[in-house]
Amino acid sequence: MFASQAQAQAPGNYVELLAPKQYAKHKVTAIWGDSKQYSCLTSLWGKESGWNPKAQNHVKVNGKRAGGIPQILGLSPKLHPHVQIDLGIKYIIHRYNTPCRAWAFWQKGKWY
């Protein structure tokens, strides 16, 4: 009936209880249905922030720092990790279409 005990006890959606990487995997699978895209995302954000939701770049661009798991310019590391992941995925879709395209771009210049 329930996929896990956490799901059975969750007041809302059990997805809210997932750790950041598991949450990202759930989101990527729902959007692209492709484990390769998740692998690219883990590589990309592993290099950007090490999956640390409190990460913040010390370099400023137009007075803003990149922050959070996806290291998006102006993103506050104080946001919940799931919100950071959602915003990071939206950014990737808008700019690159897929995590693998974002990862390929990162590999050329060490930023995305």
PDB file of N, CA and C in Angstrom:
ATOM      1  N   MET A   1       0.811  -1.178   0.000  1.00  0.00           N
ATOM      2  CA  MET A   1       0.000   0.000   0.000  1.00  0.00           C
ATOM      3  C   MET A   1       0.867   1.259   0.000  1.00  0.00           C
ATOM      4  N   PHE A   2       1.823   1.403   0.913  1.00  0.00           N
ATOM      5  CA  PHE A   2       2.731   2.538   0.934  1.00  0.00           C
ATOM      6  C   PHE A   2       4.107   2.072   0.478  1.00  0.00           C
ATOM      7  N   ALA A   3       4.817   2.970  -0.228  1.00  0.00           N
ATOM      8  CA  ALA A   3       6.148   2.636  -0.710  1.00  0.00           C
ATOM      9  C   ALA A   3       7.148   2.528   0.427  1.00  0.00           C
ATOM     10  N   SER A   4       6.894   3.234   1.517  1.00  0.00           N
ATOM     11  CA  SER A   4       7.792   3.181   2.662  1.00  0.00           C
ATOM     12  C   SER A   4       7.036   3.576   3.921  1.00  0.00           C
ATOM     13  N   GLN A   5       7.649   3.315   5.050  1.00  0.00           N
ATOM     14  CA  GLN A   5       7.031   3.713   6.311  1.00  0.00           C
ATOM     15  C   GLN A   5       6.951   5.240   6.415  1.00  0.00           C
ATOM     16  N   ALA A   6       7.973   5.932   5.874  1.00  0.00           N
ATOM     17  CA  ALA A   6       7.952   7.405   5.885  1.00  0.00           C
ATOM     18  C   ALA A   6       6.749   7.925   5.109  1.00  0.00           C
ATOM     19  N   GLN A   7       6.422   7.272   4.018  1.00  0.00           N
ATOM     20  CA  GLN A   7       5.268   7.701   3.222  1.00  0.00           C
ATOM     21  C   GLN A   7       3.979   7.491   4.013  1.00  0.00           C
ATOM     22  N   ALA A   8       3.895   6.370   4.727  1.00  0.00           N
ATOM     23  CA  ALA A   8       2.686   6.083   5.499  1.00  0.00           C
ATOM     24  C   ALA A   8       2.478   7.094   6.622  1.00  0.00           C
ATOM     25  N   GLN A   9       3.575   7.614   7.180  1.00  0.00           N
ATOM     26  CA  GLN A   9       3.480   8.542   8.291  1.00  0.00           C
ATOM     27  C   GLN A   9       3.449  10.007   7.868  1.00  0.00           C
ATOM     28  N   ALA A  10       3.727  10.275   6.605  1.00  0.00           N
ATOM     29  CA  ALA A  10       3.799  11.663   6.137  1.00  0.00           C
ATOM     30  C   ALA A  10       2.421  12.300   6.151  1.00  0.00           C
ATOM     31  N   PRO A  11       2.331  13.527   6.694  1.00  0.00           N
ATOM     32  CA  PRO A  11       1.046  14.217   6.712  1.00  0.00           C
ATOM     33  C   PRO A  11       0.613  14.651   5.321  1.00  0.00           C
ATOM     34  N   GLY A  12       1.593  14.887   4.442  1.00  0.00           N
ATOM     35  CA  GLY A  12       1.291  15.317   3.075  1.00  0.00           C
ATOM     36  C   GLY A  12       1.945  14.355   2.106  1.00  0.00           C
ATOM     37  N   ASN A  13       2.745  14.895   1.266  1.00  0.00           N
ATOM     38  CA  ASN A  13       3.436  14.120   0.252  1.00  0.00           C
ATOM     39  C   ASN A  13       4.754  13.583   0.818  1.00  0.00           C
ATOM     40  N   TYR A  14       5.002  12.291   0.668  1.00  0.00           N
ATOM     41  CA  TYR A  14       6.232  11.711   1.206  1.00  0.00           C
ATOM     42  C   TYR A  14       7.468  12.264   0.523  1.00  0.00           C
ATOM     43  N   VAL A  15       7.335  12.837  -0.666  1.00  0.00           N
ATOM     44  CA  VAL A  15       8.467  13.413  -1.384  1.00  0.00           C
ATOM     45  C   VAL A  15       9.118  14.515  -0.560  1.00  0.00           C
ATOM     46  N   GLU A  16       8.340  15.193   0.267  1.00  0.00           N
ATOM     47  CA  GLU A  16       8.866  16.270   1.106  1.00  0.00           C
ATOM     48  C   GLU A  16       9.895  15.762   2.113  1.00  0.00           C
ATOM     49  N   LEU A  17       9.890  14.475   2.396  1.00  0.00           N
ATOM     50  CA  LEU A  17      10.796  13.906   3.383  1.00  0.00           C
ATOM     51  C   LEU A  17      12.114  13.409   2.794  1.00  0.00           C
ATOM     52  N   LEU A  18      12.230  13.438   1.485  1.00  0.00           N
ATOM     53  CA  LEU A  18      13.419  12.901   0.837  1.00  0.00           C
ATOM     54  C   LEU A  18      14.638  13.802   1.034  1.00  0.00           C
ATOM     55  N   ALA A  19      15.808  13.174   1.123  1.00  0.00           N
ATOM     56  CA  ALA A  19      17.068  13.915   1.162  1.00  0.00           C
ATOM     57  C   ALA A  19      17.258  14.600  -0.192  1.00  0.00           C
ATOM     58  N   PRO A  20      18.080  15.650  -0.253  1.00  0.00           N
ATOM     59  CA  PRO A  20      18.212  16.403  -1.504  1.00  0.00           C
ATOM     60  C   PRO A  20      18.510  15.573  -2.753  1.00  0.00           C
ATOM     61  N   LYS A  21      19.450  14.656  -2.686  1.00  0.00           N
ATOM     62  CA  LYS A  21      19.772  13.870  -3.891  1.00  0.00           C
ATOM     63  C   LYS A  21      18.605  12.980  -4.301  1.00  0.00           C
ATOM     64  N   GLN A  22      17.909  12.389  -3.332  1.00  0.00           N
ATOM     65  CA  GLN A  22      16.772  11.536  -3.662  1.00  0.00           C
ATOM     66  C   GLN A  22      15.622  12.388  -4.219  1.00  0.00           C
ATOM     67  N   TYR A  23      15.449  13.578  -3.669  1.00  0.00           N
ATOM     68  CA  TYR A  23      14.424  14.488  -4.177  1.00  0.00           C
ATOM     69  C   TYR A  23      14.741  14.873  -5.619  1.00  0.00           C
ATOM     70  N   ALA A  24      16.008  15.199  -5.886  1.00  0.00           N
ATOM     71  CA  ALA A  24      16.408  15.559  -7.251  1.00  0.00           C
ATOM     72  C   ALA A  24      16.187  14.388  -8.204  1.00  0.00           C
ATOM     73  N   LYS A  25      16.510  13.185  -7.759  1.00  0.00           N
ATOM     74  CA  LYS A  25      16.309  12.003  -8.610  1.00  0.00           C
ATOM     75  C   LYS A  25      14.829  11.832  -8.942  1.00  0.00           C
ATOM     76  N   HIS A  26      13.984  12.022  -7.941  1.00  0.00           N
ATOM     77  CA  HIS A  26      12.535  11.935  -8.152  1.00  0.00           C
ATOM     78  C   HIS A  26      12.089  12.961  -9.195  1.00  0.00           C
ATOM     79  N   LYS A  27      12.570  14.208  -9.065  1.00  0.00           N
ATOM     80  CA  LYS A  27      12.174  15.277  -9.986  1.00  0.00           C
ATOM     81  C   LYS A  27      12.681  15.005 -11.403  1.00  0.00           C
ATOM     82  N   VAL A  28      13.939  14.627 -11.520  1.00  0.00           N
ATOM     83  CA  VAL A  28      14.535  14.378 -12.837  1.00  0.00           C
ATOM     84  C   VAL A  28      13.839  13.207 -13.525  1.00  0.00           C
ATOM     85  N   THR A  29      13.560  12.163 -12.790  1.00  0.00           N
ATOM     86  CA  THR A  29      12.856  11.008 -13.357  1.00  0.00           C
ATOM     87  C   THR A  29      11.464  11.397 -13.819  1.00  0.00           C
ATOM     88  N   ALA A  30      10.779  12.230 -13.040  1.00  0.00           N
ATOM     89  CA  ALA A  30       9.434  12.679 -13.417  1.00  0.00           C
ATOM     90  C   ALA A  30       9.457  13.534 -14.682  1.00  0.00           C
ATOM     91  N   ILE A  31      10.502  14.328 -14.850  1.00  0.00           N
ATOM     92  CA  ILE A  31      10.572  15.233 -16.005  1.00  0.00           C
ATOM     93  C   ILE A  31      11.125  14.523 -17.232  1.00  0.00           C
ATOM     94  N   TRP A  32      12.279  13.852 -17.100  1.00  0.00           N
ATOM     95  CA  TRP A  32      12.943  13.265 -18.255  1.00  0.00           C
ATOM     96  C   TRP A  32      12.831  11.748 -18.333  1.00  0.00           C
ATOM     97  N   GLY A  33      12.524  11.090 -17.224  1.00  0.00           N
ATOM     98  CA  GLY A  33      12.407   9.632 -17.228  1.00  0.00           C
ATOM     99  C   GLY A  33      13.695   8.938 -17.629  1.00  0.00           C
ATOM    100  N   ASP A  34      14.817   9.573 -17.360  1.00  0.00           N
ATOM    101  CA  ASP A  34      16.092   9.089 -17.867  1.00  0.00           C
ATOM    102  C   ASP A  34      17.141   9.145 -16.759  1.00  0.00           C
ATOM    103  N   SER A  35      17.692   7.998 -16.397  1.00  0.00           N
ATOM    104  CA  SER A  35      18.693   7.981 -15.326  1.00  0.00           C
ATOM    105  C   SER A  35      19.977   8.679 -15.760  1.00  0.00           C
ATOM    106  N   LYS A  36      20.234   8.776 -17.058  1.00  0.00           N
ATOM    107  CA  LYS A  36      21.421   9.479 -17.533  1.00  0.00           C
ATOM    108  C   LYS A  36      21.334  10.960 -17.169  1.00  0.00           C
ATOM    109  N   GLN A  37      20.141  11.538 -17.240  1.00  0.00           N
ATOM    110  CA  GLN A  37      19.975  12.948 -16.891  1.00  0.00           C
ATOM    111  C   GLN A  37      20.281  13.176 -15.409  1.00  0.00           C
ATOM    112  N   TYR A  38      19.883  12.238 -14.578  1.00  0.00           N
ATOM    113  CA  TYR A  38      20.183  12.355 -13.147  1.00  0.00           C
ATOM    114  C   TYR A  38      21.690  12.252 -12.916  1.00  0.00           C
ATOM    115  N   SER A  39      22.343  11.366 -13.621  1.00  0.00           N
ATOM    116  CA  SER A  39      23.790  11.217 -13.500  1.00  0.00           C
ATOM    117  C   SER A  39      24.496  12.522 -13.880  1.00  0.00           C
ATOM    118  N   CYS A  40      24.045  13.161 -14.949  1.00  0.00           N
ATOM    119  CA  CYS A  40      24.625  14.445 -15.348  1.00  0.00           C
ATOM    120  C   CYS A  40      24.374  15.508 -14.285  1.00  0.00           C
ATOM    121  N   LEU A  41      23.181  15.509 -13.716  1.00  0.00           N
ATOM    122  CA  LEU A  41      22.854  16.490 -12.688  1.00  0.00           C
ATOM    123  C   LEU A  41      23.721  16.298 -11.449  1.00  0.00           C
ATOM    124  N   THR A  42      23.928  15.049 -11.032  1.00  0.00           N
ATOM    125  CA  THR A  42      24.754  14.810  -9.858  1.00  0.00           C
ATOM    126  C   THR A  42      26.198  15.234 -10.117  1.00  0.00           C
ATOM    127  N   SER A  43      26.678  15.023 -11.330  1.00  0.00           N
ATOM    128  CA  SER A  43      28.031  15.474 -11.676  1.00  0.00           C
ATOM    129  C   SER A  43      28.113  16.994 -11.641  1.00  0.00           C
ATOM    130  N   LEU A  44      27.149  17.650 -12.252  1.00  0.00           N
ATOM    131  CA  LEU A  44      27.130  19.109 -12.327  1.00  0.00           C
ATOM    132  C   LEU A  44      27.078  19.748 -10.946  1.00  0.00           C
ATOM    133  N   TRP A  45      26.098  19.385 -10.163  1.00  0.00           N
ATOM    134  CA  TRP A  45      25.954  20.002  -8.845  1.00  0.00           C
ATOM    135  C   TRP A  45      26.991  19.502  -7.855  1.00  0.00           C
ATOM    136  N   GLY A  46      27.550  18.315  -8.113  1.00  0.00           N
ATOM    137  CA  GLY A  46      28.666  17.852  -7.298  1.00  0.00           C
ATOM    138  C   GLY A  46      29.866  18.768  -7.462  1.00  0.00           C
ATOM    139  N   LYS A  47      30.114  19.216  -8.681  1.00  0.00           N
ATOM    140  CA  LYS A  47      31.213  20.139  -8.951  1.00  0.00           C
ATOM    141  C   LYS A  47      30.882  21.557  -8.484  1.00  0.00           C
ATOM    142  N   GLU A  48      29.638  21.977  -8.618  1.00  0.00           N
ATOM    143  CA  GLU A  48      29.240  23.336  -8.275  1.00  0.00           C
ATOM    144  C   GLU A  48      29.236  23.567  -6.765  1.00  0.00           C
ATOM    145  N   SER A  49      28.596  22.700  -6.015  1.00  0.00           N
ATOM    146  CA  SER A  49      28.420  22.936  -4.583  1.00  0.00           C
ATOM    147  C   SER A  49      28.716  21.720  -3.713  1.00  0.00           C
ATOM    148  N   GLY A  50      29.002  20.592  -4.335  1.00  0.00           N
ATOM    149  CA  GLY A  50      29.141  19.364  -3.557  1.00  0.00           C
ATOM    150  C   GLY A  50      27.827  18.963  -2.908  1.00  0.00           C
ATOM    151  N   TRP A  51      26.708  19.419  -3.496  1.00  0.00           N
ATOM    152  CA  TRP A  51      25.357  19.165  -2.990  1.00  0.00           C
ATOM    153  C   TRP A  51      25.146  19.786  -1.607  1.00  0.00           C
ATOM    154  N   ASN A  52      25.902  20.806  -1.289  1.00  0.00           N
ATOM    155  CA  ASN A  52      25.759  21.498  -0.016  1.00  0.00           C
ATOM    156  C   ASN A  52      24.748  22.632  -0.182  1.00  0.00           C
ATOM    157  N   PRO A  53      23.578  22.547   0.470  1.00  0.00           N
ATOM    158  CA  PRO A  53      22.578  23.596   0.319  1.00  0.00           C
ATOM    159  C   PRO A  53      23.008  24.942   0.904  1.00  0.00           C
ATOM    160  N   LYS A  54      24.042  24.940   1.747  1.00  0.00           N
ATOM    161  CA  LYS A  54      24.517  26.193   2.348  1.00  0.00           C
ATOM    162  C   LYS A  54      25.702  26.797   1.594  1.00  0.00           C
ATOM    163  N   ALA A  55      26.091  26.174   0.494  1.00  0.00           N
ATOM    164  CA  ALA A  55      27.231  26.662  -0.281  1.00  0.00           C
ATOM    165  C   ALA A  55      26.947  28.052  -0.840  1.00  0.00           C
ATOM    166  N   GLN A  56      27.989  28.880  -0.839  1.00  0.00           N
ATOM    167  CA  GLN A  56      27.855  30.209  -1.415  1.00  0.00           C
ATOM    168  C   GLN A  56      29.190  30.590  -2.039  1.00  0.00           C
ATOM    169  N   ASN A  57      29.146  31.018  -3.287  1.00  0.00           N
ATOM    170  CA  ASN A  57      30.338  31.435  -3.991  1.00  0.00           C
ATOM    171  C   ASN A  57      30.798  32.782  -3.446  1.00  0.00           C
ATOM    172  N   HIS A  58      32.076  32.947  -3.290  1.00  0.00           N
ATOM    173  CA  HIS A  58      32.605  34.198  -2.733  1.00  0.00           C
ATOM    174  C   HIS A  58      32.769  35.281  -3.799  1.00  0.00           C
ATOM    175  N   VAL A  59      32.710  34.905  -5.071  1.00  0.00           N
ATOM    176  CA  VAL A  59      32.838  35.868  -6.160  1.00  0.00           C
ATOM    177  C   VAL A  59      31.470  36.494  -6.427  1.00  0.00           C
ATOM    178  N   LYS A  60      31.457  37.813  -6.540  1.00  0.00           N
ATOM    179  CA  LYS A  60      30.203  38.512  -6.833  1.00  0.00           C
ATOM    180  C   LYS A  60      30.136  38.881  -8.310  1.00  0.00           C
ATOM    181  N   VAL A  61      28.939  38.752  -8.878  1.00  0.00           N
ATOM    182  CA  VAL A  61      28.659  39.181 -10.243  1.00  0.00           C
ATOM    183  C   VAL A  61      27.482  40.138 -10.152  1.00  0.00           C
ATOM    184  N   ASN A  62      27.686  41.346 -10.599  1.00  0.00           N
ATOM    185  CA  ASN A  62      26.654  42.382 -10.482  1.00  0.00           C
ATOM    186  C   ASN A  62      26.139  42.507  -9.044  1.00  0.00           C
ATOM    187  N   GLY A  63      27.035  42.369  -8.090  1.00  0.00           N
ATOM    188  CA  GLY A  63      26.676  42.515  -6.684  1.00  0.00           C
ATOM    189  C   GLY A  63      25.998  41.306  -6.071  1.00  0.00           C
ATOM    190  N   LYS A  64      25.883  40.221  -6.827  1.00  0.00           N
ATOM    191  CA  LYS A  64      25.217  39.012  -6.314  1.00  0.00           C
ATOM    192  C   LYS A  64      26.189  37.843  -6.299  1.00  0.00           C
ATOM    193  N   ARG A  65      25.945  36.948  -5.354  1.00  0.00           N
ATOM    194  CA  ARG A  65      26.712  35.708  -5.276  1.00  0.00           C
ATOM    195  C   ARG A  65      25.842  34.548  -5.713  1.00  0.00           C
ATOM    196  N   ALA A  66      26.477  33.519  -6.225  1.00  0.00           N
ATOM    197  CA  ALA A  66      25.757  32.290  -6.545  1.00  0.00           C
ATOM    198  C   ALA A  66      25.659  31.470  -5.270  1.00  0.00           C
ATOM    199  N   GLY A  67      24.514  30.829  -5.048  1.00  0.00           N
ATOM    200  CA  GLY A  67      24.345  30.083  -3.817  1.00  0.00           C
ATOM    201  C   GLY A  67      23.547  28.816  -3.965  1.00  0.00           C
ATOM    202  N   GLY A  68      23.553  28.063  -2.884  1.00  0.00           N
ATOM    203  CA  GLY A  68      22.767  26.843  -2.799  1.00  0.00           C
ATOM    204  C   GLY A  68      23.343  25.685  -3.583  1.00  0.00           C
ATOM    205  N   ILE A  69      22.586  24.632  -3.663  1.00  0.00           N
ATOM    206  CA  ILE A  69      23.007  23.418  -4.365  1.00  0.00           C
ATOM    207  C   ILE A  69      23.304  23.697  -5.837  1.00  0.00           C
ATOM    208  N   PRO A  70      22.410  24.398  -6.563  1.00  0.00           N
ATOM    209  CA  PRO A  70      22.680  24.621  -7.981  1.00  0.00           C
ATOM    210  C   PRO A  70      23.619  25.796  -8.266  1.00  0.00           C
ATOM    211  N   GLN A  71      23.985  26.563  -7.220  1.00  0.00           N
ATOM    212  CA  GLN A  71      24.843  27.735  -7.372  1.00  0.00           C
ATOM    213  C   GLN A  71      24.287  28.708  -8.415  1.00  0.00           C
ATOM    214  N   ILE A  72      23.047  29.111  -8.201  1.00  0.00           N
ATOM    215  CA  ILE A  72      22.389  30.079  -9.081  1.00  0.00           C
ATOM    216  C   ILE A  72      22.653  31.474  -8.534  1.00  0.00           C
ATOM    217  N   LEU A  73      22.966  32.387  -9.432  1.00  0.00           N
ATOM    218  CA  LEU A  73      23.247  33.762  -9.057  1.00  0.00           C
ATOM    219  C   LEU A  73      22.062  34.359  -8.312  1.00  0.00           C
ATOM    220  N   GLY A  74      22.315  34.844  -7.107  1.00  0.00           N
ATOM    221  CA  GLY A  74      21.283  35.469  -6.289  1.00  0.00           C
ATOM    222  C   GLY A  74      20.449  34.510  -5.464  1.00  0.00           C
ATOM    223  N   LEU A  75      20.689  33.209  -5.581  1.00  0.00           N
ATOM    224  CA  LEU A  75      19.917  32.221  -4.819  1.00  0.00           C
ATOM    225  C   LEU A  75      20.419  32.173  -3.376  1.00  0.00           C
ATOM    226  N   SER A  76      19.521  32.324  -2.443  1.00  0.00           N
ATOM    227  CA  SER A  76      19.886  32.291  -1.036  1.00  0.00           C
ATOM    228  C   SER A  76      20.108  30.861  -0.566  1.00  0.00           C
ATOM    229  N   PRO A  77      21.243  30.602   0.076  1.00  0.00           N
ATOM    230  CA  PRO A  77      21.479  29.283   0.645  1.00  0.00           C
ATOM    231  C   PRO A  77      20.560  28.985   1.833  1.00  0.00           C
ATOM    232  N   LYS A  78      19.771  29.977   2.245  1.00  0.00           N
ATOM    233  CA  LYS A  78      18.831  29.775   3.347  1.00  0.00           C
ATOM    234  C   LYS A  78      17.542  29.100   2.890  1.00  0.00           C
ATOM    235  N   LEU A  79      17.308  29.040   1.580  1.00  0.00           N
ATOM    236  CA  LEU A  79      16.104  28.372   1.072  1.00  0.00           C
ATOM    237  C   LEU A  79      16.179  26.872   1.345  1.00  0.00           C
ATOM    238  N   HIS A  80      15.024  26.264   1.518  1.00  0.00           N
ATOM    239  CA  HIS A  80      14.970  24.811   1.714  1.00  0.00           C
ATOM    240  C   HIS A  80      15.640  24.129   0.515  1.00  0.00           C
ATOM    241  N   PRO A  81      16.396  23.059   0.749  1.00  0.00           N
ATOM    242  CA  PRO A  81      17.078  22.369  -0.353  1.00  0.00           C
ATOM    243  C   PRO A  81      16.151  21.956  -1.505  1.00  0.00           C
ATOM    244  N   HIS A  82      14.927  21.571  -1.193  1.00  0.00           N
ATOM    245  CA  HIS A  82      14.014  21.171  -2.268  1.00  0.00           C
ATOM    246  C   HIS A  82      13.650  22.364  -3.152  1.00  0.00           C
ATOM    247  N   VAL A  83      13.513  23.524  -2.563  1.00  0.00           N
ATOM    248  CA  VAL A  83      13.235  24.740  -3.342  1.00  0.00           C
ATOM    249  C   VAL A  83      14.449  25.063  -4.205  1.00  0.00           C
ATOM    250  N   GLN A  84      15.642  24.925  -3.652  1.00  0.00           N
ATOM    251  CA  GLN A  84      16.861  25.147  -4.427  1.00  0.00           C
ATOM    252  C   GLN A  84      16.910  24.214  -5.640  1.00  0.00           C
ATOM    253  N   ILE A  85      16.583  22.962  -5.413  1.00  0.00           N
ATOM    254  CA  ILE A  85      16.600  21.967  -6.493  1.00  0.00           C
ATOM    255  C   ILE A  85      15.557  22.314  -7.547  1.00  0.00           C
ATOM    256  N   ASP A  86      14.348  22.669  -7.126  1.00  0.00           N
ATOM    257  CA  ASP A  86      13.306  23.052  -8.081  1.00  0.00           C
ATOM    258  C   ASP A  86      13.749  24.235  -8.933  1.00  0.00           C
ATOM    259  N   LEU A  87      14.329  25.249  -8.299  1.00  0.00           N
ATOM    260  CA  LEU A  87      14.792  26.426  -9.032  1.00  0.00           C
ATOM    261  C   LEU A  87      15.962  26.080  -9.956  1.00  0.00           C
ATOM    262  N   GLY A  88      16.839  25.211  -9.495  1.00  0.00           N
ATOM    263  CA  GLY A  88      17.961  24.773 -10.323  1.00  0.00           C
ATOM    264  C   GLY A  88      17.502  24.004 -11.552  1.00  0.00           C
ATOM    265  N   ILE A  89      16.527  23.150 -11.380  1.00  0.00           N
ATOM    266  CA  ILE A  89      15.995  22.389 -12.520  1.00  0.00           C
ATOM    267  C   ILE A  89      15.282  23.326 -13.497  1.00  0.00           C
ATOM    268  N   LYS A  90      14.527  24.286 -12.987  1.00  0.00           N
ATOM    269  CA  LYS A  90      13.872  25.266 -13.862  1.00  0.00           C
ATOM    270  C   LYS A  90      14.903  26.046 -14.670  1.00  0.00           C
ATOM    271  N   TYR A  91      15.988  26.430 -14.014  1.00  0.00           N
ATOM    272  CA  TYR A  91      17.059  27.149 -14.703  1.00  0.00           C
ATOM    273  C   TYR A  91      17.653  26.283 -15.814  1.00  0.00           C
ATOM    274  N   ILE A  92      17.942  25.033 -15.506  1.00  0.00           N
ATOM    275  CA  ILE A  92      18.522  24.126 -16.498  1.00  0.00           C
ATOM    276  C   ILE A  92      17.575  23.955 -17.682  1.00  0.00           C
ATOM    277  N   ILE A  93      16.298  23.757 -17.412  1.00  0.00           N
ATOM    278  CA  ILE A  93      15.327  23.597 -18.500  1.00  0.00           C
ATOM    279  C   ILE A  93      15.309  24.853 -19.376  1.00  0.00           C
ATOM    280  N   HIS A  94      15.265  26.017 -18.726  1.00  0.00           N
ATOM    281  CA  HIS A  94      15.193  27.282 -19.464  1.00  0.00           C
ATOM    282  C   HIS A  94      16.433  27.518 -20.323  1.00  0.00           C
ATOM    283  N   ARG A  95      17.593  27.242 -19.757  1.00  0.00           N
ATOM    284  CA  ARG A  95      18.830  27.599 -20.454  1.00  0.00           C
ATOM    285  C   ARG A  95      19.422  26.472 -21.299  1.00  0.00           C
ATOM    286  N   TYR A  96      19.300  25.217 -20.844  1.00  0.00           N
ATOM    287  CA  TYR A  96      19.991  24.109 -21.517  1.00  0.00           C
ATOM    288  C   TYR A  96      19.075  22.983 -21.987  1.00  0.00           C
ATOM    289  N   ASN A  97      17.865  22.952 -21.521  1.00  0.00           N
ATOM    290  CA  ASN A  97      16.883  21.919 -21.842  1.00  0.00           C
ATOM    291  C   ASN A  97      17.051  20.634 -21.024  1.00  0.00           C
ATOM    292  N   THR A  98      18.280  20.195 -20.805  1.00  0.00           N
ATOM    293  CA  THR A  98      18.502  18.972 -20.027  1.00  0.00           C
ATOM    294  C   THR A  98      19.737  19.126 -19.133  1.00  0.00           C
ATOM    295  N   PRO A  99      19.813  18.352 -18.065  1.00  0.00           N
ATOM    296  CA  PRO A  99      21.016  18.363 -17.231  1.00  0.00           C
ATOM    297  C   PRO A  99      22.275  17.943 -17.993  1.00  0.00           C
ATOM    298  N   CYS A 100      22.151  17.012 -18.932  1.00  0.00           N
ATOM    299  CA  CYS A 100      23.336  16.568 -19.673  1.00  0.00           C
ATOM    300  C   CYS A 100      23.889  17.681 -20.563  1.00  0.00           C
ATOM    301  N   ARG A 101      23.030  18.508 -21.110  1.00  0.00           N
ATOM    302  CA  ARG A 101      23.514  19.652 -21.892  1.00  0.00           C
ATOM    303  C   ARG A 101      24.163  20.686 -20.981  1.00  0.00           C
ATOM    304  N   ALA A 102      23.600  20.889 -19.792  1.00  0.00           N
ATOM    305  CA  ALA A 102      24.203  21.814 -18.829  1.00  0.00           C
ATOM    306  C   ALA A 102      25.568  21.285 -18.385  1.00  0.00           C
ATOM    307  N   TRP A 103      25.667  19.979 -18.161  1.00  0.00           N
ATOM    308  CA  TRP A 103      26.924  19.361 -17.738  1.00  0.00           C
ATOM    309  C   TRP A 103      27.972  19.482 -18.846  1.00  0.00           C
ATOM    310  N   ALA A 104      27.578  19.274 -20.085  1.00  0.00           N
ATOM    311  CA  ALA A 104      28.511  19.412 -21.216  1.00  0.00           C
ATOM    312  C   ALA A 104      29.039  20.843 -21.298  1.00  0.00           C
ATOM    313  N   PHE A 105      28.166  21.807 -21.091  1.00  0.00           N
ATOM    314  CA  PHE A 105      28.586  23.213 -21.093  1.00  0.00           C
ATOM    315  C   PHE A 105      29.549  23.475 -19.947  1.00  0.00           C
ATOM    316  N   TRP A 106      29.238  22.951 -18.762  1.00  0.00           N
ATOM    317  CA  TRP A 106      30.099  23.139 -17.596  1.00  0.00           C
ATOM    318  C   TRP A 106      31.493  22.579 -17.852  1.00  0.00           C
ATOM    319  N   GLN A 107      31.555  21.440 -18.475  1.00  0.00           N
ATOM    320  CA  GLN A 107      32.858  20.791 -18.716  1.00  0.00           C
ATOM    321  C   GLN A 107      33.761  21.646 -19.619  1.00  0.00           C
ATOM    322  N   LYS A 108      33.180  22.466 -20.448  1.00  0.00           N
ATOM    323  CA  LYS A 108      33.976  23.330 -21.326  1.00  0.00           C
ATOM    324  C   LYS A 108      34.520  24.552 -20.594  1.00  0.00           C
ATOM    325  N   GLY A 109      33.732  25.122 -19.674  1.00  0.00           N
ATOM    326  CA  GLY A 109      34.136  26.378 -19.069  1.00  0.00           C
ATOM    327  C   GLY A 109      34.131  26.429 -17.563  1.00  0.00           C
ATOM    328  N   LYS A 110      33.722  25.338 -16.901  1.00  0.00           N
ATOM    329  CA  LYS A 110      33.665  25.241 -15.433  1.00  0.00           C
ATOM    330  C   LYS A 110      32.612  26.155 -14.821  1.00  0.00           C
ATOM    331  N   TRP A 111      31.574  26.473 -15.561  1.00  0.00           N
ATOM    332  CA  TRP A 111      30.407  27.204 -15.079  1.00  0.00           C
ATOM    333  C   TRP A 111      29.255  26.866 -16.015  1.00  0.00           C
ATOM    334  N   TYR A 112      28.027  27.137 -15.556  1.00  0.00           N
ATOM    335  CA  TYR A 112      26.863  26.905 -16.418  1.00  0.00           C
ATOM    336  C   TYR A 112      25.833  27.977 -16.213  1.00  0.00           C
TER     337      TYR A 112
END
